[in-house]
PDB file of all heavy atoms in Angstrom:
ATOM      1  N   ILE A   1     190.694  95.702   1.410  1.00  0.00           N
ATOM      2  CA  ILE A   1     191.103  97.097   1.272  1.00  0.00           C
ATOM      3  C   ILE A   1     191.567  97.593   2.733  1.00  0.00           C
ATOM      4  O   ILE A   1     192.610  98.277   2.832  1.00  0.00           O
ATOM      5  CB  ILE A   1     190.029  98.066   0.744  1.00  0.00           C
ATOM      6  CG1 ILE A   1     189.827  97.651  -0.768  1.00  0.00           C
ATOM      7  CG2 ILE A   1     190.406  99.473   0.817  1.00  0.00           C
ATOM      8  CD1 ILE A   1     188.558  98.325  -1.320  1.00  0.00           C
ATOM      9  N   ILE A   2     190.695  97.335   3.699  1.00  0.00           N
ATOM     10  CA  ILE A   2     191.014  97.757   5.040  1.00  0.00           C
ATOM     11  C   ILE A   2     192.386  97.212   5.629  1.00  0.00           C
ATOM     12  O   ILE A   2     193.164  97.890   6.142  1.00  0.00           O
ATOM     13  CB  ILE A   2     189.820  97.425   5.971  1.00  0.00           C
ATOM     14  CG1 ILE A   2     188.581  98.196   5.547  1.00  0.00           C
ATOM     15  CG2 ILE A   2     190.155  97.669   7.430  1.00  0.00           C
ATOM     16  CD1 ILE A   2     187.326  97.806   6.343  1.00  0.00           C
ATOM     17  N   LYS A   3     192.493  95.877   5.299  1.00  0.00           N
ATOM     18  CA  LYS A   3     193.718  95.317   5.723  1.00  0.00           C
ATOM     19  C   LYS A   3     194.964  95.892   5.120  1.00  0.00           C
ATOM     20  O   LYS A   3     196.034  96.093   5.712  1.00  0.00           O
ATOM     21  CB  LYS A   3     193.750  93.821   5.499  1.00  0.00           C
ATOM     22  CG  LYS A   3     192.720  93.044   6.345  1.00  0.00           C
ATOM     23  CD  LYS A   3     192.731  91.531   5.854  1.00  0.00           C
ATOM     24  CE  LYS A   3     191.668  90.810   6.686  1.00  0.00           C
ATOM     25  NZ  LYS A   3     191.581  89.424   6.164  1.00  0.00           N
ATOM     26  N   ALA A   4     194.834  96.245   3.794  1.00  0.00           N
ATOM     27  CA  ALA A   4     196.003  96.804   3.031  1.00  0.00           C
ATOM     28  C   ALA A   4     196.354  98.120   3.503  1.00  0.00           C
ATOM     29  O   ALA A   4     197.548  98.517   3.617  1.00  0.00           O
ATOM     30  CB  ALA A   4     195.580  96.909   1.601  1.00  0.00           C
ATOM     31  N   ILE A   5     195.364  99.051   3.873  1.00  0.00           N
ATOM     32  CA  ILE A   5     195.630 100.403   4.266  1.00  0.00           C
ATOM     33  C   ILE A   5     196.085 100.466   5.776  1.00  0.00           C
ATOM     34  O   ILE A   5     196.662 101.438   6.254  1.00  0.00           O
ATOM     35  CB  ILE A   5     194.553 101.411   4.008  1.00  0.00           C
ATOM     36  CG1 ILE A   5     193.224 101.047   4.763  1.00  0.00           C
ATOM     37  CG2 ILE A   5     194.204 101.363   2.466  1.00  0.00           C
ATOM     38  CD1 ILE A   5     192.132 102.048   4.633  1.00  0.00           C
ATOM     39  N   ARG A   6     195.774  99.460   6.546  1.00  0.00           N
ATOM     40  CA  ARG A   6     196.130  99.497   7.978  1.00  0.00           C
ATOM     41  C   ARG A   6     197.341  98.606   8.280  1.00  0.00           C
ATOM     42  O   ARG A   6     197.793  98.601   9.473  1.00  0.00           O
ATOM     43  CB  ARG A   6     194.871  98.932   8.820  1.00  0.00           C
ATOM     44  CG  ARG A   6     193.715  99.875   8.808  1.00  0.00           C
ATOM     45  CD  ARG A   6     192.576  99.424   9.692  1.00  0.00           C
ATOM     46  NE  ARG A   6     191.563 100.505   9.762  1.00  0.00           N
ATOM     47  CZ  ARG A   6     190.308 100.315  10.363  1.00  0.00           C
ATOM     48  NH1 ARG A   6     190.073  99.187  10.819  1.00  0.00           N
ATOM     49  NH2 ARG A   6     189.533 101.324  10.318  1.00  0.00           N
ATOM     50  N   THR A   7     197.880  97.982   7.333  1.00  0.00           N
ATOM     51  CA  THR A   7     199.223  97.259   7.583  1.00  0.00           C
ATOM     52  C   THR A   7     200.297  98.261   7.890  1.00  0.00           C
ATOM     53  O   THR A   7     200.476  99.208   7.199  1.00  0.00           O
ATOM     54  CB  THR A   7     199.540  96.462   6.331  1.00  0.00           C
ATOM     55  OG1 THR A   7     198.514  95.457   6.099  1.00  0.00           O
ATOM     56  CG2 THR A   7     200.877  95.791   6.490  1.00  0.00           C
ATOM     57  N   PRO A   8     201.010  98.005   8.986  1.00  0.00           N
ATOM     58  CA  PRO A   8     202.086  98.929   9.419  1.00  0.00           C
ATOM     59  C   PRO A   8     203.322  98.808   8.523  1.00  0.00           C
ATOM     60  O   PRO A   8     203.386  97.841   7.693  1.00  0.00           O
ATOM     61  CB  PRO A   8     202.366  98.467  10.848  1.00  0.00           C
ATOM     62  CG  PRO A   8     202.012  97.063  10.893  1.00  0.00           C
ATOM     63  CD  PRO A   8     200.791  96.934   9.932  1.00  0.00           C
ATOM     64  N   ALA A   9     204.230  99.775   8.556  1.00  0.00           N
ATOM     65  CA  ALA A   9     205.516  99.711   7.795  1.00  0.00           C
ATOM     66  C   ALA A   9     206.678  99.725   8.708  1.00  0.00           C
ATOM     67  O   ALA A   9     206.540 100.182   9.864  1.00  0.00           O
ATOM     68  CB  ALA A   9     205.565 100.894   6.877  1.00  0.00           C
ATOM     69  N   ILE A  10     207.772  99.354   8.226  1.00  0.00           N
ATOM     70  CA  ILE A  10     208.987  99.234   8.966  1.00  0.00           C
ATOM     71  C   ILE A  10     210.075 100.098   8.147  1.00  0.00           C
ATOM     72  O   ILE A  10     210.256  99.754   7.017  1.00  0.00           O
ATOM     73  CB  ILE A  10     209.549  97.830   9.280  1.00  0.00           C
ATOM     74  CG1 ILE A  10     208.549  97.192  10.221  1.00  0.00           C
ATOM     75  CG2 ILE A  10     210.818  97.952   9.988  1.00  0.00           C
ATOM     76  CD1 ILE A  10     208.981  95.732  10.526  1.00  0.00           C
ATOM     77  N   THR A  11     210.770 101.012   8.746  1.00  0.00           N
ATOM     78  CA  THR A  11     211.668 101.762   8.013  1.00  0.00           C
ATOM     79  C   THR A  11     212.892 100.957   7.478  1.00  0.00           C
ATOM     80  O   THR A  11     213.226  99.887   8.070  1.00  0.00           O
ATOM     81  CB  THR A  11     212.347 102.916   8.886  1.00  0.00           C
ATOM     82  OG1 THR A  11     212.909 102.302  10.089  1.00  0.00           O
ATOM     83  CG2 THR A  11     211.298 103.853   9.316  1.00  0.00           C
ATOM     84  N   TYR A  12     213.437 101.331   6.336  1.00  0.00           N
ATOM     85  CA  TYR A  12     214.407 100.538   5.681  1.00  0.00           C
ATOM     86  C   TYR A  12     215.537 101.504   5.175  1.00  0.00           C
ATOM     87  O   TYR A  12     215.124 102.529   4.557  1.00  0.00           O
ATOM     88  CB  TYR A  12     213.909  99.735   4.533  1.00  0.00           C
ATOM     89  CG  TYR A  12     214.857  98.814   3.898  1.00  0.00           C
ATOM     90  CD1 TYR A  12     215.153  97.509   4.369  1.00  0.00           C
ATOM     91  CD2 TYR A  12     215.578  99.277   2.776  1.00  0.00           C
ATOM     92  CE1 TYR A  12     216.036  96.732   3.788  1.00  0.00           C
ATOM     93  CE2 TYR A  12     216.496  98.463   2.097  1.00  0.00           C
ATOM     94  CZ  TYR A  12     216.781  97.156   2.606  1.00  0.00           C
ATOM     95  OH  TYR A  12     217.686  96.389   2.079  1.00  0.00           O
ATOM     96  N   PRO A  13     216.775 101.242   5.391  1.00  0.00           N
ATOM     97  CA  PRO A  13     217.355  99.998   5.940  1.00  0.00           C
ATOM     98  C   PRO A  13     217.492  99.910   7.501  1.00  0.00           C
ATOM     99  O   PRO A  13     218.054  98.955   8.033  1.00  0.00           O
ATOM    100  CB  PRO A  13     218.786  99.958   5.328  1.00  0.00           C
ATOM    101  CG  PRO A  13     219.111 101.376   5.102  1.00  0.00           C
ATOM    102  CD  PRO A  13     217.844 102.110   4.926  1.00  0.00           C
ATOM    103  N   ILE A  14     217.118 101.035   8.193  1.00  0.00           N
ATOM    104  CA  ILE A  14     217.162 101.027   9.614  1.00  0.00           C
ATOM    105  C   ILE A  14     216.405  99.992  10.286  1.00  0.00           C
ATOM    106  O   ILE A  14     216.852  99.364  11.254  1.00  0.00           O
ATOM    107  CB  ILE A  14     216.859 102.417  10.196  1.00  0.00           C
ATOM    108  CG1 ILE A  14     217.668 103.491   9.512  1.00  0.00           C
ATOM    109  CG2 ILE A  14     216.990 102.429  11.635  1.00  0.00           C
ATOM    110  CD1 ILE A  14     217.187 104.925   9.840  1.00  0.00           C
ATOM    111  N   LYS A  15     215.283  99.605   9.731  1.00  0.00           N
ATOM    112  CA  LYS A  15     214.418  98.601  10.228  1.00  0.00           C
ATOM    113  C   LYS A  15     213.934  98.829  11.663  1.00  0.00           C
ATOM    114  O   LYS A  15     214.035  97.929  12.441  1.00  0.00           O
ATOM    115  CB  LYS A  15     215.059  97.219  10.123  1.00  0.00           C
ATOM    116  CG  LYS A  15     215.345  96.874   8.664  1.00  0.00           C
ATOM    117  CD  LYS A  15     215.972  95.419   8.587  1.00  0.00           C
ATOM    118  CE  LYS A  15     216.267  95.028   7.107  1.00  0.00           C
ATOM    119  NZ  LYS A  15     216.840  93.753   6.915  1.00  0.00           N
ATOM    120  N   ILE A  16     213.581 100.073  11.934  1.00  0.00           N
ATOM    121  CA  ILE A  16     212.943 100.303  13.224  1.00  0.00           C
ATOM    122  C   ILE A  16     211.404 100.529  13.019  1.00  0.00           C
ATOM    123  O   ILE A  16     210.964 101.124  12.216  1.00  0.00           O
ATOM    124  CB  ILE A  16     213.569 101.602  13.835  1.00  0.00           C
ATOM    125  CG1 ILE A  16     215.032 101.502  14.066  1.00  0.00           C
ATOM    126  CG2 ILE A  16     212.780 101.987  15.154  1.00  0.00           C
ATOM    127  CD1 ILE A  16     215.709 102.676  14.623  1.00  0.00           C
ATOM    128  N   ARG A  17     210.607  99.791  13.730  1.00  0.00           N
ATOM    129  CA  ARG A  17     209.295  99.854  13.583  1.00  0.00           C
ATOM    130  C   ARG A  17     208.687 101.169  13.963  1.00  0.00           C
ATOM    131  O   ARG A  17     209.055 101.848  14.951  1.00  0.00           O
ATOM    132  CB  ARG A  17     208.548  98.804  14.543  1.00  0.00           C
ATOM    133  CG  ARG A  17     207.021  98.841  14.342  1.00  0.00           C
ATOM    134  CD  ARG A  17     206.346  97.681  14.972  1.00  0.00           C
ATOM    135  NE  ARG A  17     204.965  97.685  14.807  1.00  0.00           N
ATOM    136  CZ  ARG A  17     204.242  96.643  14.938  1.00  0.00           C
ATOM    137  NH1 ARG A  17     204.782  95.456  15.191  1.00  0.00           N
ATOM    138  NH2 ARG A  17     202.900  96.732  14.737  1.00  0.00           N
ATOM    139  N   ASN A  18     207.892 101.758  13.060  1.00  0.00           N
ATOM    140  CA  ASN A  18     207.322 103.009  13.215  1.00  0.00           C
ATOM    141  C   ASN A  18     205.848 102.834  13.675  1.00  0.00           C
ATOM    142  O   ASN A  18     205.059 102.612  12.871  1.00  0.00           O
ATOM    143  CB  ASN A  18     207.404 103.890  11.924  1.00  0.00           C
ATOM    144  CG  ASN A  18     206.978 105.414  12.153  1.00  0.00           C
ATOM    145  OD1 ASN A  18     206.396 105.637  13.153  1.00  0.00           O
ATOM    146  ND2 ASN A  18     207.537 106.251  11.242  1.00  0.00           N
ATOM    147  N   ASP A  19     205.519 103.054  14.912  1.00  0.00           N
ATOM    148  CA  ASP A  19     204.214 102.885  15.396  1.00  0.00           C
ATOM    149  C   ASP A  19     203.167 103.732  14.905  1.00  0.00           C
ATOM    150  O   ASP A  19     201.955 103.475  14.864  1.00  0.00           O
ATOM    151  CB  ASP A  19     204.183 102.873  16.883  1.00  0.00           C
ATOM    152  CG  ASP A  19     204.909 101.673  17.527  1.00  0.00           C
ATOM    153  OD1 ASP A  19     205.005 100.616  16.900  1.00  0.00           O
ATOM    154  OD2 ASP A  19     205.511 101.856  18.716  1.00  0.00           O
ATOM    155  N   THR A  20     203.654 104.911  14.346  1.00  0.00           N
ATOM    156  CA  THR A  20     202.732 105.816  13.806  1.00  0.00           C
ATOM    157  C   THR A  20     202.179 105.394  12.542  1.00  0.00           C
ATOM    158  O   THR A  20     201.158 105.902  12.044  1.00  0.00           O
ATOM    159  CB  THR A  20     203.490 107.246  13.549  1.00  0.00           C
ATOM    160  OG1 THR A  20     204.438 107.013  12.600  1.00  0.00           O
ATOM    161  CG2 THR A  20     203.958 107.728  14.839  1.00  0.00           C
ATOM    162  N   LEU A  21     202.792 104.383  11.978  1.00  0.00           N
ATOM    163  CA  LEU A  21     202.287 103.858  10.769  1.00  0.00           C
ATOM    164  C   LEU A  21     201.451 102.548  10.950  1.00  0.00           C
ATOM    165  O   LEU A  21     201.369 101.735  10.013  1.00  0.00           O
ATOM    166  CB  LEU A  21     203.420 103.500   9.785  1.00  0.00           C
ATOM    167  CG  LEU A  21     204.087 104.721   9.223  1.00  0.00           C
ATOM    168  CD1 LEU A  21     205.268 104.345   8.263  1.00  0.00           C
ATOM    169  CD2 LEU A  21     203.157 105.644   8.467  1.00  0.00           C
ATOM    170  N   ASN A  22     200.979 102.425  12.079  1.00  0.00           N
ATOM    171  CA  ASN A  22     200.035 101.315  12.358  1.00  0.00           C
ATOM    172  C   ASN A  22     198.658 101.615  11.959  1.00  0.00           C
ATOM    173  O   ASN A  22     197.683 101.097  12.365  1.00  0.00           O
ATOM    174  CB  ASN A  22     200.049 100.855  13.849  1.00  0.00           C
ATOM    175  CG  ASN A  22     199.597  99.504  14.071  1.00  0.00           C
ATOM    176  OD1 ASN A  22     199.439  98.721  13.140  1.00  0.00           O
ATOM    177  ND2 ASN A  22     199.547  99.095  15.314  1.00  0.00           N
ATOM    178  N   ARG A  23     198.541 102.492  10.946  1.00  0.00           N
ATOM    179  CA  ARG A  23     197.427 102.783  10.132  1.00  0.00           C
ATOM    180  C   ARG A  23     196.038 102.932  10.771  1.00  0.00           C
ATOM    181  O   ARG A  23     195.160 102.243  10.289  1.00  0.00           O
ATOM    182  CB  ARG A  23     197.454 101.863   9.080  1.00  0.00           C
ATOM    183  CG  ARG A  23     198.655 101.644   8.232  1.00  0.00           C
ATOM    184  CD  ARG A  23     199.028 102.631   7.287  1.00  0.00           C
ATOM    185  NE  ARG A  23     200.359 102.642   6.762  1.00  0.00           N
ATOM    186  CZ  ARG A  23     201.065 103.584   6.250  1.00  0.00           C
ATOM    187  NH1 ARG A  23     200.538 104.719   6.264  1.00  0.00           N
ATOM    188  NH2 ARG A  23     202.180 103.342   5.703  1.00  0.00           N
ATOM    189  N   THR A  24     195.900 103.781  11.693  1.00  0.00           N
ATOM    190  CA  THR A  24     194.610 104.081  12.188  1.00  0.00           C
ATOM    191  C   THR A  24     194.158 105.218  11.445  1.00  0.00           C
ATOM    192  O   THR A  24     192.939 105.558  11.493  1.00  0.00           O
ATOM    193  CB  THR A  24     194.637 104.349  13.760  1.00  0.00           C
ATOM    194  OG1 THR A  24     195.460 105.359  13.993  1.00  0.00           O
ATOM    195  CG2 THR A  24     195.009 103.099  14.434  1.00  0.00           C
ATOM    196  N   SER A  25     194.965 106.008  10.801  1.00  0.00           N
ATOM    197  CA  SER A  25     194.577 107.079   9.931  1.00  0.00           C
ATOM    198  C   SER A  25     195.535 107.201   8.727  1.00  0.00           C
ATOM    199  O   SER A  25     196.601 106.589   8.770  1.00  0.00           O
ATOM    200  CB  SER A  25     194.705 108.432  10.728  1.00  0.00           C
ATOM    201  OG  SER A  25     196.057 108.594  11.138  1.00  0.00           O
ATOM    202  N   GLY A  26     195.097 107.868   7.678  1.00  0.00           N
ATOM    203  CA  GLY A  26     195.893 107.890   6.435  1.00  0.00           C
ATOM    204  C   GLY A  26     195.941 106.652   5.711  1.00  0.00           C
ATOM    205  O   GLY A  26     195.394 105.532   6.097  1.00  0.00           O
ATOM    206  N   ILE A  27     196.466 106.777   4.500  1.00  0.00           N
ATOM    207  CA  ILE A  27     196.691 105.521   3.664  1.00  0.00           C
ATOM    208  C   ILE A  27     198.094 105.495   3.155  1.00  0.00           C
ATOM    209  O   ILE A  27     198.717 106.680   2.927  1.00  0.00           O
ATOM    210  CB  ILE A  27     195.711 105.493   2.436  1.00  0.00           C
ATOM    211  CG1 ILE A  27     195.919 106.697   1.537  1.00  0.00           C
ATOM    212  CG2 ILE A  27     194.232 105.357   2.949  1.00  0.00           C
ATOM    213  CD1 ILE A  27     195.039 106.668   0.238  1.00  0.00           C
ATOM    214  N   PRO A  28     198.756 104.408   3.027  1.00  0.00           N
ATOM    215  CA  PRO A  28     200.124 104.307   2.628  1.00  0.00           C
ATOM    216  C   PRO A  28     200.340 104.803   1.119  1.00  0.00           C
ATOM    217  O   PRO A  28     199.530 104.442   0.287  1.00  0.00           O
ATOM    218  CB  PRO A  28     200.522 102.987   2.924  1.00  0.00           C
ATOM    219  CG  PRO A  28     199.269 102.138   2.786  1.00  0.00           C
ATOM    220  CD  PRO A  28     198.169 103.058   3.223  1.00  0.00           C
ATOM    221  N   GLU A  29     201.450 105.446   0.914  1.00  0.00           N
ATOM    222  CA  GLU A  29     201.852 105.699  -0.515  1.00  0.00           C
ATOM    223  C   GLU A  29     202.624 104.649  -1.054  1.00  0.00           C
ATOM    224  O   GLU A  29     203.309 103.924  -0.341  1.00  0.00           O
ATOM    225  CB  GLU A  29     202.601 107.066  -0.528  1.00  0.00           C
ATOM    226  CG  GLU A  29     201.852 108.301  -0.284  1.00  0.00           C
ATOM    227  CD  GLU A  29     202.721 109.576  -0.607  1.00  0.00           C
ATOM    228  OE1 GLU A  29     202.953 109.770  -1.811  1.00  0.00           O
ATOM    229  OE2 GLU A  29     202.980 110.277   0.386  1.00  0.00           O
ATOM    230  N   GLY A  30     202.485 104.475  -2.303  1.00  0.00           N
ATOM    231  CA  GLY A  30     203.437 103.534  -2.994  1.00  0.00           C
ATOM    232  C   GLY A  30     202.642 102.224  -3.365  1.00  0.00           C
ATOM    233  O   GLY A  30     203.204 101.374  -4.171  1.00  0.00           O
ATOM    234  N   LEU A  31     201.427 101.945  -2.842  1.00  0.00           N
ATOM    235  CA  LEU A  31     200.680 100.763  -3.252  1.00  0.00           C
ATOM    236  C   LEU A  31     199.863 100.987  -4.501  1.00  0.00           C
ATOM    237  O   LEU A  31     199.508 102.099  -4.766  1.00  0.00           O
ATOM    238  CB  LEU A  31     199.829 100.404  -2.142  1.00  0.00           C
ATOM    239  CG  LEU A  31     200.354 100.218  -0.648  1.00  0.00           C
ATOM    240  CD1 LEU A  31     199.267  99.720   0.259  1.00  0.00           C
ATOM    241  CD2 LEU A  31     201.492  99.262  -0.680  1.00  0.00           C
ATOM    242  N   ALA A  32     199.513  99.927  -5.268  1.00  0.00           N
ATOM    243  CA  ALA A  32     198.794 100.098  -6.385  1.00  0.00           C
ATOM    244  C   ALA A  32     197.335 100.633  -6.088  1.00  0.00           C
ATOM    245  O   ALA A  32     196.857 101.391  -7.005  1.00  0.00           O
ATOM    246  CB  ALA A  32     198.618  98.715  -7.076  1.00  0.00           C
ATOM    247  N   ILE A  33     196.833 100.582  -4.951  1.00  0.00           N
ATOM    248  CA  ILE A  33     195.557 101.138  -4.645  1.00  0.00           C
ATOM    249  C   ILE A  33     195.623 102.522  -4.127  1.00  0.00           C
ATOM    250  O   ILE A  33     194.523 103.128  -3.960  1.00  0.00           O
ATOM    251  CB  ILE A  33     194.777 100.182  -3.608  1.00  0.00           C
ATOM    252  CG1 ILE A  33     195.596 100.087  -2.321  1.00  0.00           C
ATOM    253  CG2 ILE A  33     194.480  98.868  -4.272  1.00  0.00           C
ATOM    254  CD1 ILE A  33     194.756  99.319  -1.287  1.00  0.00           C
ATOM    255  N   SER A  34     196.711 103.068  -3.774  1.00  0.00           N
ATOM    256  CA  SER A  34     196.869 104.250  -3.077  1.00  0.00           C
ATOM    257  C   SER A  34     196.177 105.456  -3.799  1.00  0.00           C
ATOM    258  O   SER A  34     195.312 106.221  -3.266  1.00  0.00           O
ATOM    259  CB  SER A  34     198.283 104.682  -2.731  1.00  0.00           C
ATOM    260  OG  SER A  34     198.855 103.671  -2.085  1.00  0.00           O
ATOM    261  N   ASN A  35     196.515 105.644  -5.094  1.00  0.00           N
ATOM    262  CA  ASN A  35     195.926 106.728  -5.839  1.00  0.00           C
ATOM    263  C   ASN A  35     194.404 106.545  -6.080  1.00  0.00           C
ATOM    264  O   ASN A  35     193.667 107.444  -6.092  1.00  0.00           O
ATOM    265  CB  ASN A  35     196.656 106.845  -7.203  1.00  0.00           C
ATOM    266  CG  ASN A  35     198.001 107.603  -7.095  1.00  0.00           C
ATOM    267  OD1 ASN A  35     198.285 108.145  -5.983  1.00  0.00           O
ATOM    268  ND2 ASN A  35     198.772 107.385  -8.107  1.00  0.00           N
ATOM    269  N   SER A  36     193.970 105.278  -6.367  1.00  0.00           N
ATOM    270  CA  SER A  36     192.613 105.095  -6.552  1.00  0.00           C
ATOM    271  C   SER A  36     191.805 105.444  -5.336  1.00  0.00           C
ATOM    272  O   SER A  36     190.718 106.057  -5.498  1.00  0.00           O
ATOM    273  CB  SER A  36     192.378 103.506  -6.833  1.00  0.00           C
ATOM    274  OG  SER A  36     193.009 103.242  -8.072  1.00  0.00           O
ATOM    275  N   LEU A  37     192.251 105.022  -4.151  1.00  0.00           N
ATOM    276  CA  LEU A  37     191.507 105.351  -2.979  1.00  0.00           C
ATOM    277  C   LEU A  37     191.525 106.844  -2.615  1.00  0.00           C
ATOM    278  O   LEU A  37     190.550 107.470  -2.236  1.00  0.00           O
ATOM    279  CB  LEU A  37     192.142 104.588  -1.751  1.00  0.00           C
ATOM    280  CG  LEU A  37     191.941 103.102  -1.748  1.00  0.00           C
ATOM    281  CD1 LEU A  37     192.676 102.457  -0.595  1.00  0.00           C
ATOM    282  CD2 LEU A  37     190.538 102.615  -1.871  1.00  0.00           C
ATOM    283  N   ALA A  38     192.621 107.469  -2.921  1.00  0.00           N
ATOM    284  CA  ALA A  38     192.734 108.971  -2.759  1.00  0.00           C
ATOM    285  C   ALA A  38     191.755 109.720  -3.611  1.00  0.00           C
ATOM    286  O   ALA A  38     191.115 110.653  -3.240  1.00  0.00           O
ATOM    287  CB  ALA A  38     194.235 109.388  -3.018  1.00  0.00           C
ATOM    288  N   ASN A  39     191.636 109.177  -4.859  1.00  0.00           N
ATOM    289  CA  ASN A  39     190.727 109.801  -5.760  1.00  0.00           C
ATOM    290  C   ASN A  39     189.244 109.610  -5.373  1.00  0.00           C
ATOM    291  O   ASN A  39     188.408 110.467  -5.483  1.00  0.00           O
ATOM    292  CB  ASN A  39     190.960 109.237  -7.191  1.00  0.00           C
ATOM    293  CG  ASN A  39     192.168 109.852  -7.817  1.00  0.00           C
ATOM    294  OD1 ASN A  39     192.581 111.053  -7.550  1.00  0.00           O
ATOM    295  ND2 ASN A  39     192.891 109.076  -8.630  1.00  0.00           N
ATOM    296  N   ILE A  40     188.951 108.502  -4.806  1.00  0.00           N
ATOM    297  CA  ILE A  40     187.593 108.121  -4.412  1.00  0.00           C
ATOM    298  C   ILE A  40     187.304 109.032  -3.180  1.00  0.00           C
ATOM    299  O   ILE A  40     186.224 109.553  -3.028  1.00  0.00           O
ATOM    300  CB  ILE A  40     187.444 106.692  -3.937  1.00  0.00           C
ATOM    301  CG1 ILE A  40     187.537 105.702  -5.205  1.00  0.00           C
ATOM    302  CG2 ILE A  40     186.180 106.445  -3.184  1.00  0.00           C
ATOM    303  CD1 ILE A  40     187.708 104.200  -4.868  1.00  0.00           C
ATOM    304  N   TYR A  41     188.281 109.289  -2.352  1.00  0.00           N
ATOM    305  CA  TYR A  41     188.061 110.172  -1.199  1.00  0.00           C
ATOM    306  C   TYR A  41     187.692 111.571  -1.567  1.00  0.00           C
ATOM    307  O   TYR A  41     186.960 112.216  -0.867  1.00  0.00           O
ATOM    308  CB  TYR A  41     189.351 110.203  -0.330  1.00  0.00           C
ATOM    309  CG  TYR A  41     189.189 110.738   1.129  1.00  0.00           C
ATOM    310  CD1 TYR A  41     188.645 109.938   2.073  1.00  0.00           C
ATOM    311  CD2 TYR A  41     189.727 111.989   1.439  1.00  0.00           C
ATOM    312  CE1 TYR A  41     188.529 110.451   3.387  1.00  0.00           C
ATOM    313  CE2 TYR A  41     189.639 112.456   2.679  1.00  0.00           C
ATOM    314  CZ  TYR A  41     188.954 111.596   3.640  1.00  0.00           C
ATOM    315  OH  TYR A  41     188.787 112.197   4.952  1.00  0.00           O
ATOM    316  N   LEU A  42     188.293 112.087  -2.739  1.00  0.00           N
ATOM    317  CA  LEU A  42     188.056 113.428  -3.150  1.00  0.00           C
ATOM    318  C   LEU A  42     186.956 113.391  -4.291  1.00  0.00           C
ATOM    319  O   LEU A  42     186.836 114.570  -4.877  1.00  0.00           O
ATOM    320  CB  LEU A  42     189.315 114.149  -3.574  1.00  0.00           C
ATOM    321  CG  LEU A  42     190.266 114.496  -2.442  1.00  0.00           C
ATOM    322  CD1 LEU A  42     191.539 115.068  -3.051  1.00  0.00           C
ATOM    323  CD2 LEU A  42     189.660 115.367  -1.402  1.00  0.00           C
ATOM    324  N   SER A  43     186.358 112.382  -4.631  1.00  0.00           N
ATOM    325  CA  SER A  43     185.458 112.360  -5.687  1.00  0.00           C
ATOM    326  C   SER A  43     184.283 113.278  -5.611  1.00  0.00           C
ATOM    327  O   SER A  43     183.776 113.932  -6.528  1.00  0.00           O
ATOM    328  CB  SER A  43     184.925 110.908  -6.001  1.00  0.00           C
ATOM    329  OG  SER A  43     184.247 110.413  -4.873  1.00  0.00           O
ATOM    330  N   SER A  44     183.796 113.445  -4.336  1.00  0.00           N
ATOM    331  CA  SER A  44     182.666 114.469  -4.129  1.00  0.00           C
ATOM    332  C   SER A  44     183.117 115.826  -4.414  1.00  0.00           C
ATOM    333  O   SER A  44     182.308 116.587  -4.912  1.00  0.00           O
ATOM    334  CB  SER A  44     182.173 114.263  -2.718  1.00  0.00           C
ATOM    335  OG  SER A  44     183.283 114.608  -1.745  1.00  0.00           O
TER     336      SER A  44
END
Protein backbone atom coordinates (compact mmCIF):
# COMPACT_ATOMS: atom_id res chain seq x y z
CA ILE A 1 0.00 0.00 0.00
CA ILE A 2 2.76 2.43 0.98
CA LYS A 3 4.68 1.78 -2.24
CA ALA A 4 1.51 2.27 -4.31
CA ILE A 5 0.64 5.66 -2.80
CA ARG A 6 4.21 6.94 -2.84
CA THR A 7 4.99 6.07 -6.44
CA PRO A 8 5.57 9.31 -8.41
CA ALA A 9 3.76 10.26 -11.60
CA ILE A 10 4.88 11.75 -14.89
CA THR A 11 2.65 14.11 -16.86
CA TYR A 12 1.33 12.85 -20.17
CA PRO A 13 1.80 13.53 -23.05
CA ILE A 14 4.28 16.22 -22.00
CA LYS A 15 6.20 13.65 -19.96
CA ILE A 16 7.78 16.08 -17.56
CA ARG A 17 8.44 14.67 -14.13
CA ASN A 18 6.42 16.35 -11.45
CA ASP A 19 8.46 16.20 -8.27
CA THR A 20 5.46 17.29 -6.23
CA LEU A 21 4.00 13.91 -6.93
CA ASN A 22 6.81 12.04 -5.29
CA ARG A 23 4.11 11.19 -2.77
CA THR A 24 5.26 12.29 0.62
CA SER A 25 1.71 13.49 1.12
CA GLY A 26 -1.66 12.77 -0.42
CA ILE A 27 -2.76 9.71 -2.34
CA PRO A 28 -3.01 9.41 -6.12
CA GLU A 29 -6.43 9.45 -7.79
CA GLY A 30 -7.39 6.86 -10.35
CA LEU A 31 -5.99 3.75 -8.66
CA ALA A 32 -8.25 0.88 -7.58
CA ILE A 33 -7.26 1.52 -3.94
CA SER A 34 -7.73 5.31 -3.98
CA ASN A 35 -11.37 5.45 -2.89
CA SER A 36 -10.94 2.64 -0.38
CA LEU A 37 -8.05 4.39 1.35
CA ALA A 38 -9.87 7.73 1.28
CA ASN A 39 -12.89 6.14 2.97
CA ILE A 40 -10.70 4.51 5.62
CA TYR A 41 -9.14 7.92 6.28
CA LEU A 42 -12.57 9.42 7.00
CA SER A 43 -14.12 6.37 8.67
CA SER A 44 -13.81 7.90 12.15
